[in-house]
Amino acid sequence: MVKNDELLREVASYYSDKIIQFGESPRGVDWNSEDGQVLRFKQLCKVIDLTRMFSVNDLGCGYGALYDFLTLQMSNFTYCGIDVSAQMVQAASSRHNGLRSRFLLAEKPDQVADYGIASGVFNVRQQRTDAEWESYLKASLDILNESSRRGFAFNALTSYSDEDKKRADLYYADPCALFDFCKRKYSPQVSLLHDYGLYEFTILVRKLPL
């Protein structure tokens, strides 16, 4: 991602503390509920053509909850989870030990997949400035693009959130600006989902056939 070891250490430490405190659960990856987590996965997976075999890189995989979600829907896929938190990777590896899944302690995927997914990785900036976090976010999108053949999807907290409910340690992205960024840089086929009842949005980037 961004060549910023200190930032990545901060991210790893934050999420390692969460899973140590709350275990392998939505709260362990800083979500409020399982229902919200599943709703997010449903939006992100709209980028995937579920009618045929596919592979997916899950950037910021946590304890592997997206793999759980996918296995309930289908069996025609392979999965690689990537995370900078050793505790997350250890938890995911212990939960999922199969032929279809593997987990990496890394900043980015080690191979190209059909699709890339990033859920929740752009929310908690802690003490970083907007400019620093935006740079990190866009560098991460470059990684998703470079490691995905058919498309990628990500979510972020929305700048349209109620002002009195915003937290100083969270990053609220401009959905229109990111839609424009993805449309101009990655593909003409971009969807912005901002209608599923949470204070966030999801962007789907579908690549043109080669």
N, C-alpha and C. Protein backbone atom coordinates (compact mmCIF):
# COMPACT_ATOMS: atom_id res chain seq x y z
N MET A 1 0.85 -1.18 0.00
CA MET A 1 0.00 0.00 0.00
C MET A 1 0.90 1.24 0.00
N VAL A 2 0.53 2.26 0.75
CA VAL A 2 1.43 3.40 0.88
C VAL A 2 2.74 2.93 1.51
N LYS A 3 3.84 3.41 0.99
CA LYS A 3 5.13 3.05 1.57
C LYS A 3 5.32 3.83 2.88
N ASN A 4 4.55 3.47 3.86
CA ASN A 4 4.55 4.16 5.13
C ASN A 4 4.44 3.12 6.22
N ASP A 5 5.58 2.63 6.68
CA ASP A 5 5.58 1.54 7.65
C ASP A 5 4.90 1.92 8.95
N GLU A 6 5.06 3.17 9.35
CA GLU A 6 4.45 3.61 10.60
C GLU A 6 2.92 3.57 10.52
N LEU A 7 2.36 4.04 9.42
CA LEU A 7 0.91 4.00 9.24
C LEU A 7 0.40 2.57 9.27
N LEU A 8 1.07 1.68 8.57
CA LEU A 8 0.64 0.28 8.55
C LEU A 8 0.76 -0.38 9.91
N ARG A 9 1.78 -0.01 10.67
CA ARG A 9 1.90 -0.54 12.03
C ARG A 9 0.75 -0.06 12.90
N GLU A 10 0.35 1.20 12.71
CA GLU A 10 -0.79 1.73 13.47
C GLU A 10 -2.06 0.95 13.13
N VAL A 11 -2.28 0.69 11.85
CA VAL A 11 -3.46 -0.06 11.43
C VAL A 11 -3.43 -1.47 12.02
N ALA A 12 -2.28 -2.13 11.92
CA ALA A 12 -2.15 -3.50 12.43
C ALA A 12 -2.39 -3.54 13.94
N SER A 13 -1.83 -2.58 14.66
CA SER A 13 -1.98 -2.55 16.11
C SER A 13 -3.43 -2.33 16.50
N TYR A 14 -4.11 -1.43 15.81
CA TYR A 14 -5.51 -1.13 16.13
C TYR A 14 -6.37 -2.38 16.00
N TYR A 15 -6.25 -3.08 14.88
CA TYR A 15 -7.11 -4.24 14.66
C TYR A 15 -6.67 -5.46 15.46
N SER A 16 -5.39 -5.57 15.73
CA SER A 16 -4.93 -6.65 16.61
C SER A 16 -5.55 -6.49 17.99
N ASP A 17 -5.58 -5.26 18.49
CA ASP A 17 -6.20 -4.99 19.79
C ASP A 17 -7.68 -5.34 19.78
N LYS A 18 -8.36 -5.05 18.67
CA LYS A 18 -9.80 -5.34 18.58
C LYS A 18 -10.08 -6.83 18.66
N ILE A 19 -9.34 -7.64 17.92
CA ILE A 19 -9.65 -9.07 17.93
C ILE A 19 -9.23 -9.72 19.24
N ILE A 20 -8.18 -9.19 19.87
CA ILE A 20 -7.80 -9.69 21.20
C ILE A 20 -8.91 -9.38 22.20
N GLN A 21 -9.51 -8.20 22.09
CA GLN A 21 -10.54 -7.78 23.03
C GLN A 21 -11.88 -8.47 22.78
N PHE A 22 -12.29 -8.58 21.51
CA PHE A 22 -13.64 -9.04 21.21
C PHE A 22 -13.70 -10.40 20.51
N GLY A 23 -12.54 -10.96 20.14
CA GLY A 23 -12.53 -12.28 19.52
C GLY A 23 -12.98 -12.26 18.07
N GLU A 24 -13.22 -13.44 17.54
CA GLU A 24 -13.58 -13.62 16.13
C GLU A 24 -15.07 -13.32 15.95
N SER A 25 -15.37 -12.04 15.85
CA SER A 25 -16.74 -11.56 15.78
C SER A 25 -16.75 -10.23 15.04
N PRO A 26 -17.92 -9.74 14.62
CA PRO A 26 -17.96 -8.43 13.98
C PRO A 26 -17.30 -7.33 14.81
N ARG A 27 -17.49 -7.34 16.12
CA ARG A 27 -16.84 -6.33 16.96
C ARG A 27 -15.32 -6.49 16.96
N GLY A 28 -14.86 -7.70 16.69
CA GLY A 28 -13.43 -7.95 16.61
C GLY A 28 -12.77 -7.34 15.40
N VAL A 29 -13.59 -6.93 14.42
CA VAL A 29 -13.07 -6.18 13.27
C VAL A 29 -13.71 -4.80 13.21
N ASP A 30 -14.23 -4.35 14.35
CA ASP A 30 -14.74 -2.99 14.54
C ASP A 30 -16.06 -2.71 13.84
N TRP A 31 -16.90 -3.74 13.67
CA TRP A 31 -18.27 -3.54 13.21
C TRP A 31 -19.22 -3.67 14.40
N ASN A 32 -20.38 -3.02 14.32
CA ASN A 32 -21.32 -3.04 15.43
C ASN A 32 -22.12 -4.33 15.52
N SER A 33 -22.41 -4.96 14.36
CA SER A 33 -23.30 -6.12 14.38
C SER A 33 -23.03 -7.03 13.21
N GLU A 34 -23.47 -8.28 13.35
CA GLU A 34 -23.36 -9.24 12.25
C GLU A 34 -24.28 -8.85 11.10
N ASP A 35 -25.46 -8.32 11.41
CA ASP A 35 -26.39 -7.92 10.34
C ASP A 35 -25.75 -6.85 9.45
N GLY A 36 -25.10 -5.86 10.05
CA GLY A 36 -24.44 -4.83 9.27
C GLY A 36 -23.29 -5.39 8.45
N GLN A 37 -22.55 -6.32 9.03
CA GLN A 37 -21.43 -6.94 8.32
C GLN A 37 -21.92 -7.69 7.09
N VAL A 38 -22.98 -8.46 7.24
CA VAL A 38 -23.54 -9.22 6.12
C VAL A 38 -24.10 -8.28 5.05
N LEU A 39 -24.77 -7.21 5.47
CA LEU A 39 -25.30 -6.24 4.51
C LEU A 39 -24.17 -5.63 3.68
N ARG A 40 -23.06 -5.34 4.31
CA ARG A 40 -21.91 -4.80 3.57
C ARG A 40 -21.39 -5.82 2.55
N PHE A 41 -21.28 -7.08 2.97
CA PHE A 41 -20.79 -8.11 2.06
C PHE A 41 -21.71 -8.24 0.84
N LYS A 42 -23.00 -8.14 1.06
CA LYS A 42 -23.95 -8.25 -0.06
C LYS A 42 -23.70 -7.15 -1.09
N GLN A 43 -23.41 -5.95 -0.62
CA GLN A 43 -23.15 -4.85 -1.56
C GLN A 43 -21.83 -5.08 -2.30
N LEU A 44 -20.80 -5.43 -1.58
CA LEU A 44 -19.48 -5.63 -2.19
C LEU A 44 -19.49 -6.74 -3.22
N CYS A 45 -20.21 -7.80 -2.93
CA CYS A 45 -20.19 -8.97 -3.81
C CYS A 45 -21.05 -8.79 -5.07
N LYS A 46 -21.71 -7.65 -5.18
CA LYS A 46 -22.44 -7.37 -6.41
C LYS A 46 -21.48 -7.18 -7.59
N VAL A 47 -20.22 -6.97 -7.31
CA VAL A 47 -19.24 -6.84 -8.40
C VAL A 47 -18.91 -8.19 -9.01
N ILE A 48 -19.22 -9.29 -8.31
CA ILE A 48 -18.83 -10.63 -8.72
C ILE A 48 -19.90 -11.27 -9.60
N ASP A 49 -19.49 -11.89 -10.68
CA ASP A 49 -20.36 -12.72 -11.49
C ASP A 49 -20.43 -14.10 -10.83
N LEU A 50 -21.53 -14.36 -10.15
CA LEU A 50 -21.66 -15.58 -9.35
C LEU A 50 -22.05 -16.79 -10.19
N THR A 51 -22.21 -16.62 -11.48
CA THR A 51 -22.65 -17.74 -12.33
C THR A 51 -21.49 -18.60 -12.82
N ARG A 52 -20.26 -18.17 -12.53
CA ARG A 52 -19.11 -18.94 -13.01
C ARG A 52 -18.01 -18.93 -11.96
N MET A 53 -17.07 -19.85 -12.11
CA MET A 53 -15.95 -19.97 -11.18
C MET A 53 -15.18 -18.66 -11.10
N PHE A 54 -14.75 -18.30 -9.91
CA PHE A 54 -13.98 -17.07 -9.75
C PHE A 54 -12.99 -17.20 -8.61
N SER A 55 -12.02 -16.29 -8.58
CA SER A 55 -11.08 -16.16 -7.47
C SER A 55 -11.19 -14.75 -6.90
N VAL A 56 -10.88 -14.61 -5.61
CA VAL A 56 -11.03 -13.31 -4.96
C VAL A 56 -9.89 -13.06 -3.98
N ASN A 57 -9.37 -11.83 -4.00
CA ASN A 57 -8.44 -11.35 -2.98
C ASN A 57 -9.22 -10.46 -2.02
N ASP A 58 -9.14 -10.75 -0.73
CA ASP A 58 -9.83 -10.00 0.30
C ASP A 58 -8.80 -9.17 1.06
N LEU A 59 -8.69 -7.89 0.70
CA LEU A 59 -7.67 -7.01 1.27
C LEU A 59 -8.16 -6.46 2.61
N GLY A 60 -7.46 -6.81 3.68
CA GLY A 60 -7.93 -6.48 5.02
C GLY A 60 -8.97 -7.50 5.46
N CYS A 61 -8.60 -8.76 5.39
CA CYS A 61 -9.55 -9.87 5.53
C CYS A 61 -10.04 -10.09 6.96
N GLY A 62 -9.33 -9.56 7.96
CA GLY A 62 -9.73 -9.84 9.33
C GLY A 62 -9.66 -11.32 9.64
N TYR A 63 -10.68 -11.84 10.32
CA TYR A 63 -10.69 -13.25 10.69
C TYR A 63 -11.35 -14.13 9.62
N GLY A 64 -11.57 -13.58 8.42
CA GLY A 64 -12.08 -14.37 7.32
C GLY A 64 -13.59 -14.42 7.20
N ALA A 65 -14.28 -13.39 7.67
CA ALA A 65 -15.75 -13.39 7.64
C ALA A 65 -16.31 -13.38 6.22
N LEU A 66 -15.62 -12.72 5.29
CA LEU A 66 -16.10 -12.72 3.90
C LEU A 66 -16.05 -14.13 3.33
N TYR A 67 -15.05 -14.90 3.69
CA TYR A 67 -15.00 -16.29 3.24
C TYR A 67 -16.20 -17.07 3.77
N ASP A 68 -16.56 -16.85 5.03
CA ASP A 68 -17.76 -17.48 5.59
C ASP A 68 -18.99 -17.11 4.77
N PHE A 69 -19.13 -15.83 4.46
CA PHE A 69 -20.27 -15.36 3.69
C PHE A 69 -20.32 -16.03 2.32
N LEU A 70 -19.19 -16.08 1.64
CA LEU A 70 -19.16 -16.65 0.29
C LEU A 70 -19.49 -18.14 0.29
N THR A 71 -19.00 -18.86 1.29
CA THR A 71 -19.26 -20.30 1.32
C THR A 71 -20.73 -20.61 1.55
N LEU A 72 -21.47 -19.69 2.15
CA LEU A 72 -22.91 -19.89 2.31
C LEU A 72 -23.67 -19.66 1.01
N GLN A 73 -23.05 -18.95 0.09
CA GLN A 73 -23.72 -18.62 -1.17
C GLN A 73 -23.37 -19.59 -2.30
N MET A 74 -22.15 -20.10 -2.29
CA MET A 74 -21.66 -20.87 -3.45
C MET A 74 -20.41 -21.66 -3.07
N SER A 75 -19.96 -22.47 -4.00
CA SER A 75 -18.74 -23.26 -3.76
C SER A 75 -17.74 -23.14 -4.90
N ASN A 76 -18.08 -22.36 -5.93
CA ASN A 76 -17.24 -22.30 -7.14
C ASN A 76 -16.28 -21.13 -7.09
N PHE A 77 -15.45 -21.07 -6.04
CA PHE A 77 -14.51 -19.96 -5.94
C PHE A 77 -13.27 -20.38 -5.15
N THR A 78 -12.20 -19.61 -5.31
CA THR A 78 -11.03 -19.72 -4.45
C THR A 78 -10.79 -18.35 -3.82
N TYR A 79 -10.18 -18.36 -2.65
CA TYR A 79 -10.11 -17.15 -1.83
C TYR A 79 -8.73 -16.98 -1.23
N CYS A 80 -8.25 -15.73 -1.25
CA CYS A 80 -7.02 -15.38 -0.55
C CYS A 80 -7.30 -14.16 0.33
N GLY A 81 -7.06 -14.30 1.62
CA GLY A 81 -7.22 -13.19 2.56
C GLY A 81 -5.87 -12.59 2.89
N ILE A 82 -5.81 -11.27 2.90
CA ILE A 82 -4.56 -10.55 3.15
C ILE A 82 -4.81 -9.56 4.28
N ASP A 83 -3.91 -9.51 5.27
CA ASP A 83 -4.07 -8.57 6.37
C ASP A 83 -2.69 -8.21 6.93
N VAL A 84 -2.60 -7.01 7.49
CA VAL A 84 -1.33 -6.56 8.09
C VAL A 84 -1.26 -6.90 9.57
N SER A 85 -2.35 -7.41 10.14
CA SER A 85 -2.38 -7.81 11.55
C SER A 85 -2.08 -9.30 11.69
N ALA A 86 -1.01 -9.64 12.39
CA ALA A 86 -0.66 -11.04 12.58
C ALA A 86 -1.74 -11.79 13.35
N GLN A 87 -2.37 -11.12 14.32
CA GLN A 87 -3.43 -11.76 15.08
C GLN A 87 -4.63 -12.09 14.20
N MET A 88 -4.96 -11.22 13.27
CA MET A 88 -6.06 -11.49 12.35
C MET A 88 -5.74 -12.68 11.46
N VAL A 89 -4.57 -12.70 10.90
CA VAL A 89 -4.18 -13.79 10.00
C VAL A 89 -4.14 -15.12 10.75
N GLN A 90 -3.64 -15.09 11.97
CA GLN A 90 -3.60 -16.30 12.77
C GLN A 90 -5.02 -16.82 13.04
N ALA A 91 -5.93 -15.91 13.40
CA ALA A 91 -7.31 -16.30 13.66
C ALA A 91 -7.97 -16.85 12.41
N ALA A 92 -7.78 -16.18 11.28
CA ALA A 92 -8.39 -16.64 10.03
C ALA A 92 -7.85 -18.00 9.61
N SER A 93 -6.54 -18.19 9.73
CA SER A 93 -5.93 -19.45 9.33
C SER A 93 -6.41 -20.61 10.19
N SER A 94 -6.62 -20.35 11.48
CA SER A 94 -7.08 -21.41 12.38
C SER A 94 -8.54 -21.77 12.13
N ARG A 95 -9.33 -20.80 11.63
CA ARG A 95 -10.74 -21.05 11.36
C ARG A 95 -10.96 -21.73 10.02
N HIS A 96 -10.10 -21.43 9.05
CA HIS A 96 -10.30 -21.90 7.69
C HIS A 96 -9.03 -22.59 7.21
N ASN A 97 -9.08 -23.87 7.11
CA ASN A 97 -7.92 -24.65 6.67
C ASN A 97 -8.38 -25.59 5.57
N GLY A 98 -8.57 -25.01 4.37
CA GLY A 98 -9.11 -25.82 3.28
C GLY A 98 -8.40 -25.56 1.97
N LEU A 99 -8.82 -26.28 0.95
CA LEU A 99 -8.19 -26.17 -0.36
C LEU A 99 -8.56 -24.87 -1.06
N ARG A 100 -9.68 -24.27 -0.68
CA ARG A 100 -10.15 -23.08 -1.39
C ARG A 100 -9.66 -21.78 -0.78
N SER A 101 -9.05 -21.82 0.38
CA SER A 101 -8.68 -20.58 1.06
C SER A 101 -7.24 -20.60 1.54
N ARG A 102 -6.64 -19.42 1.57
CA ARG A 102 -5.33 -19.23 2.18
C ARG A 102 -5.25 -17.81 2.68
N PHE A 103 -4.31 -17.55 3.60
CA PHE A 103 -4.22 -16.25 4.25
C PHE A 103 -2.77 -15.79 4.31
N LEU A 104 -2.58 -14.49 4.05
CA LEU A 104 -1.24 -13.92 4.00
C LEU A 104 -1.10 -12.77 5.00
N LEU A 105 -0.01 -12.75 5.70
CA LEU A 105 0.37 -11.58 6.50
C LEU A 105 1.18 -10.69 5.58
N ALA A 106 0.52 -9.69 5.00
CA ALA A 106 1.16 -8.88 3.96
C ALA A 106 0.40 -7.58 3.76
N GLU A 107 1.01 -6.69 2.98
CA GLU A 107 0.40 -5.41 2.65
C GLU A 107 -0.46 -5.49 1.40
N LYS A 108 -0.20 -6.50 0.56
CA LYS A 108 -0.92 -6.61 -0.70
C LYS A 108 -0.92 -8.07 -1.16
N PRO A 109 -1.80 -8.43 -2.10
CA PRO A 109 -1.84 -9.81 -2.59
C PRO A 109 -0.55 -10.21 -3.29
N ASP A 110 -0.29 -11.50 -3.28
CA ASP A 110 0.91 -12.01 -3.96
C ASP A 110 0.59 -12.55 -5.35
N GLN A 111 -0.68 -12.46 -5.75
CA GLN A 111 -1.05 -12.87 -7.10
C GLN A 111 -2.35 -12.19 -7.51
N VAL A 112 -2.58 -12.16 -8.81
CA VAL A 112 -3.78 -11.54 -9.36
C VAL A 112 -4.96 -12.50 -9.22
N ALA A 113 -6.13 -11.97 -8.85
CA ALA A 113 -7.36 -12.74 -8.78
C ALA A 113 -8.39 -12.12 -9.71
N ASP A 114 -9.51 -12.80 -9.90
CA ASP A 114 -10.58 -12.22 -10.71
C ASP A 114 -11.10 -10.94 -10.08
N TYR A 115 -11.29 -10.98 -8.76
CA TYR A 115 -11.88 -9.84 -8.06
C TYR A 115 -11.08 -9.48 -6.81
N GLY A 116 -11.15 -8.21 -6.45
CA GLY A 116 -10.58 -7.74 -5.19
C GLY A 116 -11.67 -7.09 -4.35
N ILE A 117 -11.65 -7.33 -3.06
CA ILE A 117 -12.62 -6.77 -2.13
C ILE A 117 -11.87 -6.11 -0.97
N ALA A 118 -12.34 -4.93 -0.56
CA ALA A 118 -11.79 -4.27 0.63
C ALA A 118 -12.97 -3.73 1.45
N SER A 119 -13.22 -4.33 2.59
CA SER A 119 -14.35 -3.95 3.43
C SER A 119 -13.86 -3.37 4.76
N GLY A 120 -14.15 -2.10 4.98
CA GLY A 120 -13.87 -1.48 6.26
C GLY A 120 -12.45 -1.00 6.48
N VAL A 121 -11.59 -1.17 5.49
CA VAL A 121 -10.18 -0.86 5.72
C VAL A 121 -9.86 0.64 5.63
N PHE A 122 -10.82 1.44 5.19
CA PHE A 122 -10.57 2.87 5.02
C PHE A 122 -11.27 3.73 6.07
N ASN A 123 -11.72 3.13 7.14
CA ASN A 123 -12.54 3.87 8.10
C ASN A 123 -11.75 4.53 9.22
N VAL A 124 -10.82 3.79 9.83
CA VAL A 124 -10.19 4.24 11.08
C VAL A 124 -8.83 4.85 10.79
N ARG A 125 -8.79 6.16 10.71
CA ARG A 125 -7.53 6.84 10.40
C ARG A 125 -6.74 7.16 11.67
N GLN A 126 -7.38 7.07 12.83
CA GLN A 126 -6.78 7.44 14.11
C GLN A 126 -6.31 8.90 14.07
N GLN A 127 -5.00 9.15 14.19
CA GLN A 127 -4.50 10.53 14.26
C GLN A 127 -4.00 11.05 12.90
N ARG A 128 -4.18 10.28 11.86
CA ARG A 128 -3.71 10.71 10.54
C ARG A 128 -4.56 11.83 9.98
N THR A 129 -3.96 12.70 9.19
CA THR A 129 -4.69 13.79 8.57
C THR A 129 -5.51 13.26 7.39
N ASP A 130 -6.46 14.08 6.94
CA ASP A 130 -7.24 13.72 5.76
C ASP A 130 -6.32 13.46 4.56
N ALA A 131 -5.33 14.30 4.39
CA ALA A 131 -4.43 14.16 3.24
C ALA A 131 -3.63 12.86 3.30
N GLU A 132 -3.12 12.53 4.47
CA GLU A 132 -2.37 11.28 4.63
C GLU A 132 -3.27 10.08 4.35
N TRP A 133 -4.49 10.13 4.89
CA TRP A 133 -5.37 8.97 4.75
C TRP A 133 -5.88 8.83 3.32
N GLU A 134 -6.14 9.96 2.66
CA GLU A 134 -6.56 9.89 1.27
C GLU A 134 -5.46 9.29 0.40
N SER A 135 -4.22 9.64 0.67
CA SER A 135 -3.11 9.06 -0.07
C SER A 135 -3.04 7.55 0.14
N TYR A 136 -3.21 7.12 1.38
CA TYR A 136 -3.23 5.69 1.71
C TYR A 136 -4.38 5.00 0.99
N LEU A 137 -5.56 5.61 1.01
CA LEU A 137 -6.73 5.02 0.37
C LEU A 137 -6.50 4.85 -1.13
N LYS A 138 -6.03 5.88 -1.79
CA LYS A 138 -5.85 5.81 -3.24
C LYS A 138 -4.74 4.84 -3.63
N ALA A 139 -3.70 4.76 -2.83
CA ALA A 139 -2.66 3.77 -3.09
C ALA A 139 -3.21 2.36 -2.94
N SER A 140 -4.11 2.17 -1.99
CA SER A 140 -4.75 0.86 -1.80
C SER A 140 -5.65 0.52 -2.97
N LEU A 141 -6.34 1.52 -3.52
CA LEU A 141 -7.16 1.27 -4.71
C LEU A 141 -6.30 0.87 -5.90
N ASP A 142 -5.12 1.46 -6.01
CA ASP A 142 -4.19 1.04 -7.07
C ASP A 142 -3.84 -0.44 -6.91
N ILE A 143 -3.64 -0.87 -5.68
CA ILE A 143 -3.32 -2.28 -5.44
C ILE A 143 -4.50 -3.16 -5.81
N LEU A 144 -5.70 -2.76 -5.43
CA LEU A 144 -6.89 -3.54 -5.81
C LEU A 144 -7.00 -3.64 -7.33
N ASN A 145 -6.76 -2.55 -8.01
CA ASN A 145 -6.85 -2.54 -9.47
C ASN A 145 -5.79 -3.45 -10.09
N GLU A 146 -4.57 -3.33 -9.61
CA GLU A 146 -3.46 -4.10 -10.20
C GLU A 146 -3.58 -5.60 -9.93
N SER A 147 -4.27 -5.96 -8.86
CA SER A 147 -4.35 -7.38 -8.49
C SER A 147 -5.71 -8.00 -8.81
N SER A 148 -6.48 -7.32 -9.67
CA SER A 148 -7.81 -7.81 -10.04
C SER A 148 -7.97 -7.83 -11.56
N ARG A 149 -8.43 -8.95 -12.09
CA ARG A 149 -8.64 -9.06 -13.53
C ARG A 149 -9.99 -8.51 -13.98
N ARG A 150 -11.04 -8.83 -13.25
CA ARG A 150 -12.39 -8.55 -13.71
C ARG A 150 -13.08 -7.41 -12.97
N GLY A 151 -12.55 -7.04 -11.81
CA GLY A 151 -13.14 -5.91 -11.09
C GLY A 151 -12.81 -5.93 -9.62
N PHE A 152 -13.18 -4.85 -8.94
CA PHE A 152 -12.96 -4.80 -7.50
C PHE A 152 -14.03 -3.92 -6.86
N ALA A 153 -14.16 -4.04 -5.54
CA ALA A 153 -15.16 -3.29 -4.79
C ALA A 153 -14.59 -2.90 -3.44
N PHE A 154 -15.05 -1.76 -2.94
CA PHE A 154 -14.61 -1.29 -1.62
C PHE A 154 -15.71 -0.44 -1.02
N ASN A 155 -15.63 -0.23 0.29
CA ASN A 155 -16.59 0.65 0.95
C ASN A 155 -15.84 1.67 1.81
N ALA A 156 -16.57 2.69 2.22
CA ALA A 156 -16.00 3.74 3.07
C ALA A 156 -17.14 4.47 3.77
N LEU A 157 -16.83 5.06 4.90
CA LEU A 157 -17.80 5.92 5.57
C LEU A 157 -18.05 7.15 4.70
N THR A 158 -19.29 7.64 4.72
CA THR A 158 -19.66 8.72 3.82
C THR A 158 -19.54 10.10 4.46
N SER A 159 -19.11 11.05 3.65
CA SER A 159 -19.05 12.44 4.10
C SER A 159 -20.44 13.03 4.29
N TYR A 160 -21.48 12.33 3.84
CA TYR A 160 -22.86 12.76 4.04
C TYR A 160 -23.40 12.33 5.40
N SER A 161 -22.58 11.76 6.25
CA SER A 161 -23.00 11.39 7.60
C SER A 161 -23.40 12.64 8.38
N ASP A 162 -24.29 12.47 9.34
CA ASP A 162 -24.70 13.58 10.20
C ASP A 162 -23.49 14.15 10.92
N GLU A 163 -23.34 15.46 10.88
CA GLU A 163 -22.16 16.09 11.46
C GLU A 163 -22.02 15.81 12.95
N ASP A 164 -23.13 15.75 13.66
CA ASP A 164 -23.05 15.55 15.11
C ASP A 164 -22.74 14.12 15.51
N LYS A 165 -22.70 13.22 14.51
CA LYS A 165 -22.39 11.82 14.79
C LYS A 165 -21.00 11.42 14.30
N LYS A 166 -20.31 12.32 13.65
CA LYS A 166 -18.98 12.01 13.13
C LYS A 166 -17.97 11.95 14.27
N ARG A 167 -16.98 11.07 14.12
CA ARG A 167 -15.90 10.93 15.10
C ARG A 167 -14.59 11.41 14.50
N ALA A 168 -13.79 12.04 15.31
CA ALA A 168 -12.54 12.63 14.84
C ALA A 168 -11.54 11.58 14.38
N ASP A 169 -11.64 10.36 14.91
CA ASP A 169 -10.67 9.31 14.56
C ASP A 169 -11.07 8.51 13.33
N LEU A 170 -12.22 8.84 12.73
CA LEU A 170 -12.69 8.13 11.55
C LEU A 170 -12.56 9.00 10.31
N TYR A 171 -12.49 8.35 9.16
CA TYR A 171 -12.35 9.06 7.89
C TYR A 171 -13.66 8.95 7.11
N TYR A 172 -14.21 10.08 6.74
CA TYR A 172 -15.46 10.16 6.01
C TYR A 172 -15.15 10.61 4.58
N ALA A 173 -15.26 9.71 3.65
CA ALA A 173 -14.86 9.98 2.27
C ALA A 173 -16.00 10.61 1.47
N ASP A 174 -15.63 11.37 0.46
CA ASP A 174 -16.60 11.97 -0.46
C ASP A 174 -16.94 10.94 -1.53
N PRO A 175 -18.14 10.39 -1.53
CA PRO A 175 -18.47 9.32 -2.49
C PRO A 175 -18.43 9.80 -3.93
N CYS A 176 -18.83 11.05 -4.17
CA CYS A 176 -18.83 11.55 -5.55
C CYS A 176 -17.40 11.71 -6.07
N ALA A 177 -16.51 12.19 -5.21
CA ALA A 177 -15.12 12.36 -5.62
C ALA A 177 -14.46 11.02 -5.91
N LEU A 178 -14.75 9.99 -5.08
CA LEU A 178 -14.16 8.68 -5.33
C LEU A 178 -14.77 8.00 -6.54
N PHE A 179 -16.06 8.22 -6.77
CA PHE A 179 -16.67 7.70 -8.00
C PHE A 179 -15.96 8.29 -9.22
N ASP A 180 -15.75 9.60 -9.21
CA ASP A 180 -15.08 10.27 -10.33
C ASP A 180 -13.65 9.76 -10.48
N PHE A 181 -12.95 9.60 -9.36
CA PHE A 181 -11.58 9.10 -9.39
C PHE A 181 -11.51 7.72 -10.04
N CYS A 182 -12.40 6.81 -9.63
CA CYS A 182 -12.39 5.45 -10.17
C CYS A 182 -12.81 5.43 -11.64
N LYS A 183 -13.78 6.26 -11.97
CA LYS A 183 -14.27 6.32 -13.35
C LYS A 183 -13.18 6.80 -14.29
N ARG A 184 -12.44 7.80 -13.87
CA ARG A 184 -11.40 8.37 -14.73
C ARG A 184 -10.14 7.51 -14.77
N LYS A 185 -9.81 6.83 -13.66
CA LYS A 185 -8.52 6.14 -13.59
C LYS A 185 -8.60 4.65 -13.92
N TYR A 186 -9.71 3.98 -13.54
CA TYR A 186 -9.71 2.52 -13.60
C TYR A 186 -10.61 1.92 -14.67
N SER A 187 -11.81 2.45 -14.83
CA SER A 187 -12.75 1.82 -15.76
C SER A 187 -13.95 2.74 -15.99
N PRO A 188 -14.56 2.69 -17.19
CA PRO A 188 -15.81 3.43 -17.39
C PRO A 188 -17.00 2.77 -16.73
N GLN A 189 -16.82 1.53 -16.26
CA GLN A 189 -17.92 0.79 -15.65
C GLN A 189 -17.80 0.83 -14.13
N VAL A 190 -18.37 1.86 -13.53
CA VAL A 190 -18.28 2.08 -12.09
C VAL A 190 -19.68 2.32 -11.54
N SER A 191 -19.98 1.66 -10.41
CA SER A 191 -21.26 1.85 -9.74
C SER A 191 -21.03 2.39 -8.34
N LEU A 192 -21.88 3.33 -7.93
CA LEU A 192 -21.86 3.88 -6.58
C LEU A 192 -23.15 3.46 -5.87
N LEU A 193 -23.03 2.70 -4.78
CA LEU A 193 -24.17 2.25 -4.00
C LEU A 193 -24.21 3.04 -2.70
N HIS A 194 -25.28 3.78 -2.51
CA HIS A 194 -25.37 4.64 -1.33
C HIS A 194 -26.80 4.61 -0.78
N ASP A 195 -27.43 3.45 -0.89
CA ASP A 195 -28.86 3.37 -0.58
C ASP A 195 -29.23 2.14 0.24
N TYR A 196 -28.29 1.68 1.09
CA TYR A 196 -28.57 0.45 1.83
C TYR A 196 -28.64 0.66 3.34
N GLY A 197 -28.88 1.90 3.74
CA GLY A 197 -29.26 2.16 5.12
C GLY A 197 -28.16 2.35 6.13
N LEU A 198 -26.90 2.38 5.70
CA LEU A 198 -25.78 2.60 6.60
C LEU A 198 -25.10 3.92 6.25
N TYR A 199 -24.33 4.46 7.19
CA TYR A 199 -23.65 5.73 6.96
C TYR A 199 -22.35 5.50 6.19
N GLU A 200 -22.50 4.91 5.03
CA GLU A 200 -21.35 4.55 4.21
C GLU A 200 -21.80 4.36 2.77
N PHE A 201 -20.87 4.04 1.92
CA PHE A 201 -21.18 3.74 0.52
C PHE A 201 -20.25 2.65 0.04
N THR A 202 -20.63 2.03 -1.08
CA THR A 202 -19.82 1.00 -1.72
C THR A 202 -19.62 1.39 -3.18
N ILE A 203 -18.41 1.22 -3.66
CA ILE A 203 -18.12 1.45 -5.08
C ILE A 203 -17.69 0.14 -5.72
N LEU A 204 -18.30 -0.15 -6.86
CA LEU A 204 -17.97 -1.34 -7.65
C LEU A 204 -17.29 -0.87 -8.94
N VAL A 205 -16.15 -1.47 -9.24
CA VAL A 205 -15.42 -1.16 -10.46
C VAL A 205 -15.35 -2.44 -11.29
N ARG A 206 -16.03 -2.42 -12.42
CA ARG A 206 -16.01 -3.58 -13.33
C ARG A 206 -15.11 -3.24 -14.51
N LYS A 207 -14.22 -4.16 -14.82
CA LYS A 207 -13.27 -3.91 -15.90
C LYS A 207 -13.83 -4.40 -17.23
N LEU A 208 -13.44 -3.70 -18.30
CA LEU A 208 -13.84 -4.10 -19.63
C LEU A 208 -13.18 -5.42 -19.99
N PRO A 209 -13.84 -6.28 -20.77
CA PRO A 209 -13.22 -7.54 -21.19
C PRO A 209 -11.92 -7.30 -21.93
N LEU A 210 -10.95 -8.19 -21.71
CA LEU A 210 -9.67 -8.05 -22.40
C LEU A 210 -9.81 -8.43 -23.86
